[in-house]
Amino acid sequence: MIGVEGSQTSCRMMPFERFGAWQRAHYLALDVYKVSARWPVQERYGLISQARRAAYSIPSNIAEGSARRGSNEFARFLNIALGSFSELTYLLYLARDLGYLSAEEWSALEERRTVTGKLLWSLYARVRKR
């Protein structure tokens, strides 16, 4: 299990934890939870809930898919993760344009999102080639 970014809190890793895409997606989800906690309370059941669901869906689908038998099943779950990634991307743009994200928050999220997306697409391409 991962605690503070980059540190291990347990000596036994689950298979999905070896994927850089999962690691980065996990930290992206944590960041989304942190920033969305400061969004307007009237967004609790709207944008906050939807952004959080999309954010945790990415690492969740990587984890679940990695436990399935065969590349086709894993690729199917990675495809779902990519859909959630795309949804989260839009929701972050919306939050930025509504003024819910500071310039610093947006910059940090955008950097993390970009790296996560590249790793996720790369993992998907590798799995599809198998």
N, C-alpha and C. Protein backbone atom coordinates (compact mmCIF):
# COMPACT_ATOMS: atom_id res chain seq x y z
N MET A 1 0.84 -1.17 0.00
CA MET A 1 0.00 0.00 0.00
C MET A 1 0.89 1.24 0.00
N ILE A 2 0.48 2.27 -0.67
CA ILE A 2 1.27 3.48 -0.77
C ILE A 2 0.70 4.53 0.15
N GLY A 3 1.56 5.16 0.92
CA GLY A 3 1.15 6.23 1.81
C GLY A 3 1.50 7.56 1.18
N VAL A 4 2.46 8.23 1.73
CA VAL A 4 2.95 9.48 1.18
C VAL A 4 3.57 9.16 -0.17
N GLU A 5 3.39 10.05 -1.13
CA GLU A 5 3.85 9.78 -2.49
C GLU A 5 5.27 9.24 -2.50
N GLY A 6 5.39 8.07 -3.13
CA GLY A 6 6.70 7.46 -3.29
C GLY A 6 7.13 6.58 -2.14
N SER A 7 6.41 6.58 -1.04
CA SER A 7 6.82 5.75 0.08
C SER A 7 5.93 4.53 0.19
N GLN A 8 6.50 3.44 0.58
CA GLN A 8 5.77 2.19 0.77
C GLN A 8 5.40 2.06 2.24
N THR A 9 4.15 1.70 2.53
CA THR A 9 3.76 1.46 3.91
C THR A 9 3.59 -0.03 4.17
N SER A 10 3.81 -0.83 3.15
CA SER A 10 3.70 -2.28 3.27
C SER A 10 4.73 -2.90 2.34
N CYS A 11 5.25 -4.06 2.71
CA CYS A 11 6.29 -4.66 1.89
C CYS A 11 5.71 -5.51 0.76
N ARG A 12 4.43 -5.83 0.78
CA ARG A 12 3.83 -6.65 -0.25
C ARG A 12 2.95 -5.78 -1.16
N MET A 13 3.29 -5.75 -2.43
CA MET A 13 2.54 -4.94 -3.38
C MET A 13 1.50 -5.79 -4.09
N MET A 14 0.37 -5.20 -4.36
CA MET A 14 -0.63 -5.84 -5.21
C MET A 14 -0.12 -5.74 -6.65
N PRO A 15 -0.52 -6.64 -7.53
CA PRO A 15 -0.01 -6.60 -8.92
C PRO A 15 -0.22 -5.26 -9.63
N PHE A 16 -1.35 -4.61 -9.41
CA PHE A 16 -1.62 -3.35 -10.11
C PHE A 16 -0.70 -2.22 -9.67
N GLU A 17 -0.14 -2.32 -8.48
CA GLU A 17 0.69 -1.24 -7.95
C GLU A 17 2.00 -1.06 -8.71
N ARG A 18 2.36 -2.04 -9.51
CA ARG A 18 3.61 -1.93 -10.27
C ARG A 18 3.47 -1.02 -11.49
N PHE A 19 2.24 -0.73 -11.88
CA PHE A 19 2.01 0.09 -13.06
C PHE A 19 2.13 1.58 -12.72
N GLY A 20 3.01 2.26 -13.45
CA GLY A 20 3.14 3.70 -13.26
C GLY A 20 1.83 4.42 -13.50
N ALA A 21 1.03 3.92 -14.44
CA ALA A 21 -0.27 4.53 -14.73
C ALA A 21 -1.17 4.48 -13.50
N TRP A 22 -1.17 3.34 -12.80
CA TRP A 22 -1.99 3.24 -11.59
C TRP A 22 -1.47 4.19 -10.52
N GLN A 23 -0.16 4.21 -10.32
CA GLN A 23 0.43 5.07 -9.29
C GLN A 23 0.06 6.53 -9.52
N ARG A 24 0.25 6.99 -10.76
CA ARG A 24 -0.05 8.39 -11.07
C ARG A 24 -1.54 8.67 -10.98
N ALA A 25 -2.37 7.73 -11.42
CA ALA A 25 -3.82 7.91 -11.33
C ALA A 25 -4.27 7.99 -9.88
N HIS A 26 -3.64 7.20 -9.02
CA HIS A 26 -3.96 7.23 -7.59
C HIS A 26 -3.69 8.63 -7.02
N TYR A 27 -2.54 9.20 -7.35
CA TYR A 27 -2.21 10.53 -6.84
C TYR A 27 -3.08 11.61 -7.47
N LEU A 28 -3.47 11.42 -8.72
CA LEU A 28 -4.40 12.36 -9.35
C LEU A 28 -5.73 12.33 -8.60
N ALA A 29 -6.22 11.14 -8.26
CA ALA A 29 -7.47 11.03 -7.50
C ALA A 29 -7.35 11.72 -6.14
N LEU A 30 -6.23 11.51 -5.46
CA LEU A 30 -6.03 12.18 -4.18
C LEU A 30 -6.06 13.70 -4.34
N ASP A 31 -5.40 14.19 -5.39
CA ASP A 31 -5.40 15.64 -5.64
C ASP A 31 -6.80 16.17 -5.92
N VAL A 32 -7.57 15.42 -6.69
CA VAL A 32 -8.94 15.85 -7.00
C VAL A 32 -9.78 15.91 -5.71
N TYR A 33 -9.62 14.92 -4.86
CA TYR A 33 -10.34 14.94 -3.58
C TYR A 33 -9.95 16.17 -2.76
N LYS A 34 -8.67 16.49 -2.73
CA LYS A 34 -8.21 17.63 -1.92
C LYS A 34 -8.75 18.95 -2.45
N VAL A 35 -8.60 19.19 -3.75
CA VAL A 35 -9.05 20.49 -4.28
C VAL A 35 -10.56 20.61 -4.28
N SER A 36 -11.26 19.51 -4.55
CA SER A 36 -12.72 19.60 -4.61
C SER A 36 -13.35 19.81 -3.23
N ALA A 37 -12.60 19.54 -2.18
CA ALA A 37 -13.11 19.79 -0.83
C ALA A 37 -13.32 21.28 -0.60
N ARG A 38 -12.68 22.12 -1.39
CA ARG A 38 -12.80 23.57 -1.25
C ARG A 38 -13.78 24.19 -2.24
N TRP A 39 -14.42 23.37 -3.06
CA TRP A 39 -15.38 23.89 -4.03
C TRP A 39 -16.69 24.24 -3.31
N PRO A 40 -17.52 25.06 -3.92
CA PRO A 40 -18.76 25.49 -3.27
C PRO A 40 -19.64 24.31 -2.83
N VAL A 41 -20.24 24.46 -1.67
CA VAL A 41 -21.05 23.40 -1.09
C VAL A 41 -22.22 23.01 -2.01
N GLN A 42 -22.72 23.95 -2.79
CA GLN A 42 -23.84 23.63 -3.68
C GLN A 42 -23.43 22.66 -4.79
N GLU A 43 -22.13 22.44 -4.96
CA GLU A 43 -21.63 21.48 -5.96
C GLU A 43 -21.43 20.09 -5.37
N ARG A 44 -21.76 19.88 -4.10
CA ARG A 44 -21.52 18.60 -3.42
C ARG A 44 -22.09 17.42 -4.20
N TYR A 45 -23.32 17.54 -4.69
CA TYR A 45 -23.96 16.42 -5.39
C TYR A 45 -23.86 16.55 -6.91
N GLY A 46 -23.15 17.53 -7.36
CA GLY A 46 -22.96 17.74 -8.79
C GLY A 46 -21.51 17.56 -9.17
N LEU A 47 -20.84 18.67 -9.37
CA LEU A 47 -19.47 18.64 -9.87
C LEU A 47 -18.50 17.93 -8.94
N ILE A 48 -18.62 18.14 -7.65
CA ILE A 48 -17.70 17.48 -6.70
C ILE A 48 -17.86 15.97 -6.78
N SER A 49 -19.07 15.51 -6.68
CA SER A 49 -19.33 14.07 -6.72
C SER A 49 -18.89 13.46 -8.05
N GLN A 50 -19.21 14.12 -9.14
CA GLN A 50 -18.87 13.57 -10.46
C GLN A 50 -17.36 13.57 -10.69
N ALA A 51 -16.67 14.63 -10.29
CA ALA A 51 -15.21 14.69 -10.47
C ALA A 51 -14.52 13.62 -9.63
N ARG A 52 -14.99 13.44 -8.42
CA ARG A 52 -14.39 12.42 -7.55
C ARG A 52 -14.63 11.02 -8.11
N ARG A 53 -15.85 10.76 -8.58
CA ARG A 53 -16.14 9.43 -9.15
C ARG A 53 -15.27 9.16 -10.37
N ALA A 54 -15.14 10.15 -11.24
CA ALA A 54 -14.30 9.97 -12.43
C ALA A 54 -12.85 9.76 -12.04
N ALA A 55 -12.40 10.50 -11.03
CA ALA A 55 -11.00 10.41 -10.59
C ALA A 55 -10.67 9.04 -10.02
N TYR A 56 -11.52 8.51 -9.14
CA TYR A 56 -11.18 7.21 -8.56
C TYR A 56 -11.51 6.05 -9.48
N SER A 57 -12.30 6.30 -10.50
CA SER A 57 -12.60 5.25 -11.47
C SER A 57 -11.36 4.87 -12.28
N ILE A 58 -10.46 5.79 -12.48
CA ILE A 58 -9.26 5.52 -13.29
C ILE A 58 -8.38 4.47 -12.59
N PRO A 59 -7.87 4.72 -11.38
CA PRO A 59 -7.05 3.69 -10.75
C PRO A 59 -7.84 2.43 -10.39
N SER A 60 -9.13 2.59 -10.09
CA SER A 60 -9.95 1.42 -9.76
C SER A 60 -10.05 0.46 -10.94
N ASN A 61 -10.24 0.99 -12.13
CA ASN A 61 -10.36 0.13 -13.30
C ASN A 61 -9.02 -0.48 -13.70
N ILE A 62 -7.93 0.23 -13.47
CA ILE A 62 -6.61 -0.37 -13.71
C ILE A 62 -6.42 -1.54 -12.76
N ALA A 63 -6.76 -1.33 -11.49
CA ALA A 63 -6.61 -2.39 -10.49
C ALA A 63 -7.49 -3.59 -10.82
N GLU A 64 -8.75 -3.35 -11.11
CA GLU A 64 -9.65 -4.46 -11.39
C GLU A 64 -9.26 -5.19 -12.66
N GLY A 65 -8.93 -4.45 -13.70
CA GLY A 65 -8.56 -5.08 -14.97
C GLY A 65 -7.30 -5.91 -14.87
N SER A 66 -6.35 -5.47 -14.05
CA SER A 66 -5.10 -6.20 -13.93
C SER A 66 -5.29 -7.56 -13.27
N ALA A 67 -6.39 -7.73 -12.56
CA ALA A 67 -6.68 -9.00 -11.89
C ALA A 67 -7.47 -9.96 -12.78
N ARG A 68 -7.88 -9.49 -13.95
CA ARG A 68 -8.65 -10.33 -14.85
C ARG A 68 -7.72 -11.21 -15.67
N ARG A 69 -8.27 -12.27 -16.18
CA ARG A 69 -7.48 -13.19 -17.00
C ARG A 69 -7.47 -12.72 -18.45
N GLY A 70 -6.27 -12.59 -18.97
CA GLY A 70 -6.12 -12.28 -20.38
C GLY A 70 -6.02 -10.80 -20.70
N SER A 71 -5.32 -10.53 -21.78
CA SER A 71 -5.09 -9.16 -22.22
C SER A 71 -6.36 -8.46 -22.67
N ASN A 72 -7.26 -9.20 -23.30
CA ASN A 72 -8.49 -8.56 -23.78
C ASN A 72 -9.32 -8.01 -22.63
N GLU A 73 -9.42 -8.76 -21.55
CA GLU A 73 -10.16 -8.28 -20.38
C GLU A 73 -9.48 -7.07 -19.76
N PHE A 74 -8.17 -7.13 -19.62
CA PHE A 74 -7.43 -6.00 -19.06
C PHE A 74 -7.62 -4.77 -19.94
N ALA A 75 -7.52 -4.95 -21.26
CA ALA A 75 -7.69 -3.83 -22.19
C ALA A 75 -9.09 -3.22 -22.06
N ARG A 76 -10.09 -4.05 -21.83
CA ARG A 76 -11.46 -3.54 -21.68
C ARG A 76 -11.55 -2.61 -20.47
N PHE A 77 -10.93 -3.01 -19.36
CA PHE A 77 -10.95 -2.16 -18.17
C PHE A 77 -10.10 -0.90 -18.36
N LEU A 78 -9.00 -1.02 -19.09
CA LEU A 78 -8.19 0.17 -19.39
C LEU A 78 -8.98 1.13 -20.28
N ASN A 79 -9.79 0.60 -21.16
CA ASN A 79 -10.63 1.43 -22.01
C ASN A 79 -11.64 2.21 -21.15
N ILE A 80 -12.19 1.57 -20.15
CA ILE A 80 -13.10 2.25 -19.22
C ILE A 80 -12.33 3.33 -18.45
N ALA A 81 -11.12 3.01 -18.02
CA ALA A 81 -10.29 4.00 -17.31
C ALA A 81 -10.01 5.21 -18.20
N LEU A 82 -9.77 4.95 -19.49
CA LEU A 82 -9.53 6.06 -20.42
C LEU A 82 -10.78 6.93 -20.56
N GLY A 83 -11.95 6.31 -20.55
CA GLY A 83 -13.19 7.08 -20.60
C GLY A 83 -13.34 7.96 -19.37
N SER A 84 -13.04 7.40 -18.21
CA SER A 84 -13.10 8.18 -16.97
C SER A 84 -12.07 9.29 -16.97
N PHE A 85 -10.91 9.01 -17.53
CA PHE A 85 -9.86 10.02 -17.63
C PHE A 85 -10.33 11.20 -18.48
N SER A 86 -10.97 10.89 -19.60
CA SER A 86 -11.48 11.94 -20.48
C SER A 86 -12.57 12.74 -19.78
N GLU A 87 -13.46 12.06 -19.07
CA GLU A 87 -14.51 12.73 -18.32
C GLU A 87 -13.90 13.66 -17.27
N LEU A 88 -12.93 13.16 -16.52
CA LEU A 88 -12.28 13.99 -15.50
C LEU A 88 -11.62 15.21 -16.13
N THR A 89 -11.00 15.02 -17.28
CA THR A 89 -10.37 16.15 -17.96
C THR A 89 -11.37 17.27 -18.19
N TYR A 90 -12.54 16.92 -18.72
CA TYR A 90 -13.55 17.95 -18.94
C TYR A 90 -14.01 18.59 -17.62
N LEU A 91 -14.24 17.77 -16.61
CA LEU A 91 -14.72 18.29 -15.34
C LEU A 91 -13.71 19.26 -14.71
N LEU A 92 -12.43 18.99 -14.90
CA LEU A 92 -11.41 19.91 -14.39
C LEU A 92 -11.40 21.21 -15.18
N TYR A 93 -11.60 21.12 -16.50
CA TYR A 93 -11.73 22.34 -17.30
C TYR A 93 -12.93 23.16 -16.81
N LEU A 94 -14.04 22.48 -16.57
CA LEU A 94 -15.24 23.16 -16.10
C LEU A 94 -14.99 23.84 -14.75
N ALA A 95 -14.37 23.12 -13.83
CA ALA A 95 -14.06 23.69 -12.51
C ALA A 95 -13.15 24.91 -12.65
N ARG A 96 -12.16 24.80 -13.54
CA ARG A 96 -11.26 25.94 -13.76
C ARG A 96 -12.04 27.14 -14.29
N ASP A 97 -12.87 26.90 -15.30
CA ASP A 97 -13.58 28.00 -15.94
C ASP A 97 -14.68 28.59 -15.06
N LEU A 98 -15.15 27.83 -14.08
CA LEU A 98 -16.11 28.36 -13.11
C LEU A 98 -15.42 29.11 -11.97
N GLY A 99 -14.08 29.08 -11.97
CA GLY A 99 -13.32 29.79 -10.94
C GLY A 99 -13.12 28.99 -9.67
N TYR A 100 -13.33 27.69 -9.73
CA TYR A 100 -13.19 26.85 -8.54
C TYR A 100 -11.74 26.41 -8.30
N LEU A 101 -10.89 26.58 -9.29
CA LEU A 101 -9.47 26.21 -9.17
C LEU A 101 -8.61 27.45 -9.30
N SER A 102 -7.66 27.60 -8.41
CA SER A 102 -6.70 28.69 -8.53
C SER A 102 -5.75 28.35 -9.68
N ALA A 103 -4.99 29.33 -10.11
CA ALA A 103 -4.00 29.09 -11.18
C ALA A 103 -2.99 28.04 -10.75
N GLU A 104 -2.59 28.08 -9.48
CA GLU A 104 -1.62 27.10 -8.97
C GLU A 104 -2.22 25.69 -8.94
N GLU A 105 -3.47 25.58 -8.47
CA GLU A 105 -4.13 24.28 -8.43
C GLU A 105 -4.29 23.72 -9.84
N TRP A 106 -4.72 24.58 -10.76
CA TRP A 106 -4.91 24.14 -12.14
C TRP A 106 -3.59 23.64 -12.74
N SER A 107 -2.54 24.38 -12.53
CA SER A 107 -1.24 24.02 -13.08
C SER A 107 -0.77 22.67 -12.54
N ALA A 108 -0.89 22.48 -11.24
CA ALA A 108 -0.47 21.21 -10.63
C ALA A 108 -1.32 20.05 -11.12
N LEU A 109 -2.64 20.26 -11.18
CA LEU A 109 -3.54 19.20 -11.66
C LEU A 109 -3.28 18.89 -13.14
N GLU A 110 -3.06 19.91 -13.91
CA GLU A 110 -2.83 19.71 -15.35
C GLU A 110 -1.53 18.94 -15.60
N GLU A 111 -0.51 19.25 -14.82
CA GLU A 111 0.75 18.51 -14.95
C GLU A 111 0.55 17.04 -14.57
N ARG A 112 -0.09 16.79 -13.46
CA ARG A 112 -0.35 15.42 -13.01
C ARG A 112 -1.25 14.69 -14.01
N ARG A 113 -2.27 15.38 -14.51
CA ARG A 113 -3.20 14.79 -15.46
C ARG A 113 -2.49 14.41 -16.76
N THR A 114 -1.61 15.27 -17.25
CA THR A 114 -0.89 15.00 -18.48
C THR A 114 -0.01 13.76 -18.36
N VAL A 115 0.74 13.67 -17.29
CA VAL A 115 1.61 12.50 -17.08
C VAL A 115 0.77 11.23 -16.93
N THR A 116 -0.30 11.32 -16.17
CA THR A 116 -1.18 10.17 -15.97
C THR A 116 -1.74 9.70 -17.31
N GLY A 117 -2.20 10.63 -18.11
CA GLY A 117 -2.77 10.28 -19.41
C GLY A 117 -1.78 9.59 -20.32
N LYS A 118 -0.57 10.09 -20.37
CA LYS A 118 0.46 9.47 -21.20
C LYS A 118 0.75 8.05 -20.75
N LEU A 119 0.87 7.85 -19.45
CA LEU A 119 1.14 6.51 -18.92
C LEU A 119 -0.04 5.57 -19.17
N LEU A 120 -1.24 6.07 -19.01
CA LEU A 120 -2.43 5.26 -19.22
C LEU A 120 -2.56 4.83 -20.68
N TRP A 121 -2.37 5.77 -21.60
CA TRP A 121 -2.43 5.43 -23.03
C TRP A 121 -1.33 4.45 -23.40
N SER A 122 -0.15 4.63 -22.85
CA SER A 122 0.96 3.72 -23.12
C SER A 122 0.66 2.31 -22.62
N LEU A 123 0.11 2.21 -21.42
CA LEU A 123 -0.25 0.90 -20.87
C LEU A 123 -1.32 0.25 -21.73
N TYR A 124 -2.32 1.01 -22.12
CA TYR A 124 -3.39 0.48 -22.98
C TYR A 124 -2.80 -0.05 -24.29
N ALA A 125 -1.92 0.71 -24.92
CA ALA A 125 -1.31 0.29 -26.19
C ALA A 125 -0.51 -1.00 -26.02
N ARG A 126 0.24 -1.09 -24.93
CA ARG A 126 1.04 -2.31 -24.67
C ARG A 126 0.15 -3.53 -24.46
N VAL A 127 -0.91 -3.34 -23.70
CA VAL A 127 -1.82 -4.47 -23.42
C VAL A 127 -2.54 -4.90 -24.69
N ARG A 128 -2.93 -3.96 -25.52
CA ARG A 128 -3.64 -4.28 -26.77
C ARG A 128 -2.75 -5.04 -27.75
N LYS A 129 -1.44 -4.83 -27.68
CA LYS A 129 -0.51 -5.53 -28.58
C LYS A 129 -0.32 -6.99 -28.23
N ARG A 130 -0.63 -7.35 -26.98
CA ARG A 130 -0.43 -8.75 -26.54
C ARG A 130 -1.39 -9.68 -27.23
